[in-house]
Amino acid sequence: MSILYLLIPLGLLLVGLAVAAFFWAVRSGQFDDLDTPAMSVVLDDDSRPATKNRRSDDAERNKA
């Protein structure tokens, strides 16, 4: 029974730390945008980077 005198304050301390961590995360912007990072994985970017002269690049590949 005397262990409850230790476990109850320890449990309340842990709950208090969890609540404080949650409010810190909310204030620092951790939950601002939850959809965009998830959608960036799904979106497929098939565009090639632009080159200066595509024909000269192809000609150099054919020479080698």
N, C-alpha and C. Protein backbone atom coordinates (compact mmCIF):
# COMPACT_ATOMS: atom_id res chain seq x y z
N MET A 1 0.81 -1.19 0.00
CA MET A 1 0.00 0.00 0.00
C MET A 1 0.86 1.27 0.00
N SER A 2 2.00 1.21 0.61
CA SER A 2 2.86 2.39 0.68
C SER A 2 3.49 2.71 -0.68
N ILE A 3 3.50 1.74 -1.60
CA ILE A 3 4.06 1.99 -2.93
C ILE A 3 3.19 2.98 -3.71
N LEU A 4 1.89 3.06 -3.35
CA LEU A 4 1.00 4.01 -4.01
C LEU A 4 1.43 5.45 -3.75
N TYR A 5 2.05 5.70 -2.61
CA TYR A 5 2.54 7.05 -2.32
C TYR A 5 3.67 7.45 -3.26
N LEU A 6 4.31 6.49 -3.88
CA LEU A 6 5.36 6.77 -4.85
C LEU A 6 4.81 6.74 -6.28
N LEU A 7 3.96 5.77 -6.57
CA LEU A 7 3.50 5.59 -7.94
C LEU A 7 2.52 6.67 -8.40
N ILE A 8 1.65 7.14 -7.53
CA ILE A 8 0.67 8.16 -7.94
C ILE A 8 1.36 9.48 -8.28
N PRO A 9 2.26 10.01 -7.47
CA PRO A 9 2.95 11.25 -7.89
C PRO A 9 3.83 11.05 -9.12
N LEU A 10 4.43 9.87 -9.24
CA LEU A 10 5.25 9.59 -10.42
C LEU A 10 4.39 9.54 -11.68
N GLY A 11 3.23 8.93 -11.57
CA GLY A 11 2.31 8.90 -12.71
C GLY A 11 1.81 10.28 -13.08
N LEU A 12 1.48 11.10 -12.09
CA LEU A 12 1.04 12.47 -12.36
C LEU A 12 2.16 13.30 -12.99
N LEU A 13 3.38 13.07 -12.56
CA LEU A 13 4.53 13.76 -13.14
C LEU A 13 4.69 13.38 -14.62
N LEU A 14 4.56 12.10 -14.94
CA LEU A 14 4.69 11.66 -16.33
C LEU A 14 3.57 12.21 -17.20
N VAL A 15 2.36 12.26 -16.68
CA VAL A 15 1.24 12.83 -17.43
C VAL A 15 1.49 14.32 -17.65
N GLY A 16 1.98 15.01 -16.64
CA GLY A 16 2.29 16.43 -16.78
C GLY A 16 3.36 16.68 -17.83
N LEU A 17 4.37 15.83 -17.87
CA LEU A 17 5.42 15.97 -18.88
C LEU A 17 4.88 15.71 -20.29
N ALA A 18 4.00 14.74 -20.42
CA ALA A 18 3.40 14.45 -21.73
C ALA A 18 2.54 15.61 -22.20
N VAL A 19 1.75 16.19 -21.31
CA VAL A 19 0.91 17.34 -21.68
C VAL A 19 1.78 18.53 -22.05
N ALA A 20 2.84 18.77 -21.31
CA ALA A 20 3.75 19.87 -21.61
C ALA A 20 4.43 19.66 -22.97
N ALA A 21 4.83 18.44 -23.27
CA ALA A 21 5.45 18.15 -24.56
C ALA A 21 4.46 18.35 -25.70
N PHE A 22 3.20 17.97 -25.49
CA PHE A 22 2.18 18.17 -26.51
C PHE A 22 1.96 19.65 -26.78
N PHE A 23 1.81 20.46 -25.73
CA PHE A 23 1.59 21.89 -25.94
C PHE A 23 2.81 22.57 -26.55
N TRP A 24 4.02 22.11 -26.23
CA TRP A 24 5.22 22.65 -26.86
C TRP A 24 5.20 22.34 -28.36
N ALA A 25 4.82 21.11 -28.72
CA ALA A 25 4.78 20.73 -30.13
C ALA A 25 3.73 21.54 -30.89
N VAL A 26 2.59 21.80 -30.27
CA VAL A 26 1.56 22.60 -30.93
C VAL A 26 2.04 24.03 -31.13
N ARG A 27 2.66 24.62 -30.12
CA ARG A 27 3.14 26.00 -30.23
C ARG A 27 4.29 26.15 -31.21
N SER A 28 5.11 25.12 -31.37
CA SER A 28 6.27 25.23 -32.27
C SER A 28 5.92 24.88 -33.72
N GLY A 29 4.66 24.53 -33.99
CA GLY A 29 4.23 24.32 -35.37
C GLY A 29 4.38 22.91 -35.89
N GLN A 30 4.51 21.93 -35.04
CA GLN A 30 4.68 20.56 -35.49
C GLN A 30 3.45 20.00 -36.18
N PHE A 31 2.27 20.53 -35.89
CA PHE A 31 1.03 19.99 -36.44
C PHE A 31 0.39 20.95 -37.44
N ASP A 32 1.15 21.88 -38.01
CA ASP A 32 0.58 22.88 -38.91
C ASP A 32 0.09 22.28 -40.22
N ASP A 33 0.93 21.50 -40.89
CA ASP A 33 0.57 20.96 -42.21
C ASP A 33 0.85 19.46 -42.22
N LEU A 34 -0.20 18.68 -42.07
CA LEU A 34 -0.04 17.23 -42.02
C LEU A 34 -0.25 16.57 -43.37
N ASP A 35 -0.88 17.27 -44.34
CA ASP A 35 -1.24 16.63 -45.61
C ASP A 35 -0.18 16.78 -46.69
N THR A 36 0.47 17.92 -46.78
CA THR A 36 1.40 18.17 -47.88
C THR A 36 2.61 17.22 -47.88
N PRO A 37 3.28 16.95 -46.77
CA PRO A 37 4.41 16.01 -46.83
C PRO A 37 3.98 14.60 -47.26
N ALA A 38 2.78 14.19 -46.87
CA ALA A 38 2.31 12.86 -47.28
C ALA A 38 2.00 12.83 -48.77
N MET A 39 1.47 13.92 -49.31
CA MET A 39 1.13 13.96 -50.73
C MET A 39 2.36 14.11 -51.61
N SER A 40 3.44 14.67 -51.12
CA SER A 40 4.63 14.83 -51.94
C SER A 40 5.25 13.49 -52.32
N VAL A 41 5.02 12.47 -51.52
CA VAL A 41 5.52 11.14 -51.83
C VAL A 41 4.72 10.52 -52.96
N VAL A 42 3.42 10.80 -52.97
CA VAL A 42 2.53 10.20 -53.97
C VAL A 42 2.68 10.87 -55.33
N LEU A 43 2.90 12.17 -55.34
CA LEU A 43 3.01 12.89 -56.59
C LEU A 43 4.27 12.46 -57.33
N ASP A 44 4.12 12.19 -58.63
CA ASP A 44 5.23 11.71 -59.43
C ASP A 44 5.75 12.84 -60.30
N ASP A 45 7.02 13.15 -60.19
CA ASP A 45 7.62 14.21 -60.97
C ASP A 45 8.45 13.58 -62.08
N ASP A 46 7.87 13.51 -63.28
CA ASP A 46 8.54 12.87 -64.41
C ASP A 46 9.33 13.85 -65.27
N SER A 47 9.32 15.11 -64.94
CA SER A 47 10.00 16.09 -65.80
C SER A 47 11.52 15.94 -65.67
N ARG A 48 12.19 16.07 -66.82
CA ARG A 48 13.65 16.02 -66.84
C ARG A 48 14.19 17.41 -66.60
N PRO A 49 15.35 17.52 -65.99
CA PRO A 49 15.94 18.85 -65.84
C PRO A 49 16.31 19.41 -67.22
N ALA A 50 16.11 20.69 -67.38
CA ALA A 50 16.39 21.35 -68.66
C ALA A 50 17.89 21.38 -68.92
N THR A 51 18.28 21.09 -70.14
CA THR A 51 19.69 21.18 -70.53
C THR A 51 19.86 22.34 -71.49
N LYS A 52 21.09 22.76 -71.69
CA LYS A 52 21.36 23.91 -72.56
C LYS A 52 20.97 23.59 -74.00
N ASN A 53 21.54 22.54 -74.52
CA ASN A 53 21.28 22.17 -75.91
C ASN A 53 21.12 20.67 -75.96
N ARG A 54 19.92 20.20 -76.09
CA ARG A 54 19.66 18.77 -76.01
C ARG A 54 20.28 18.02 -77.19
N ARG A 55 20.28 18.63 -78.38
CA ARG A 55 20.84 17.94 -79.55
C ARG A 55 22.34 17.75 -79.40
N SER A 56 23.04 18.73 -78.82
CA SER A 56 24.50 18.58 -78.66
C SER A 56 24.79 17.51 -77.62
N ASP A 57 23.92 17.39 -76.59
CA ASP A 57 24.11 16.33 -75.60
C ASP A 57 23.93 14.96 -76.23
N ASP A 58 22.93 14.82 -77.10
CA ASP A 58 22.70 13.54 -77.78
C ASP A 58 23.85 13.22 -78.74
N ALA A 59 24.37 14.22 -79.41
CA ALA A 59 25.49 14.01 -80.34
C ALA A 59 26.72 13.56 -79.57
N GLU A 60 26.98 14.12 -78.39
CA GLU A 60 28.13 13.72 -77.60
C GLU A 60 27.99 12.29 -77.11
N ARG A 61 26.78 11.88 -76.79
CA ARG A 61 26.56 10.49 -76.36
C ARG A 61 26.79 9.51 -77.51
N ASN A 62 26.39 9.91 -78.74
CA ASN A 62 26.56 9.03 -79.88
C ASN A 62 28.02 8.89 -80.29
N LYS A 63 28.86 9.90 -80.03
CA LYS A 63 30.28 9.85 -80.36
C LYS A 63 31.02 8.84 -79.47
N ALA A 64 30.62 8.75 -78.22
CA ALA A 64 31.36 7.92 -77.26
C ALA A 64 31.09 6.47 -77.44
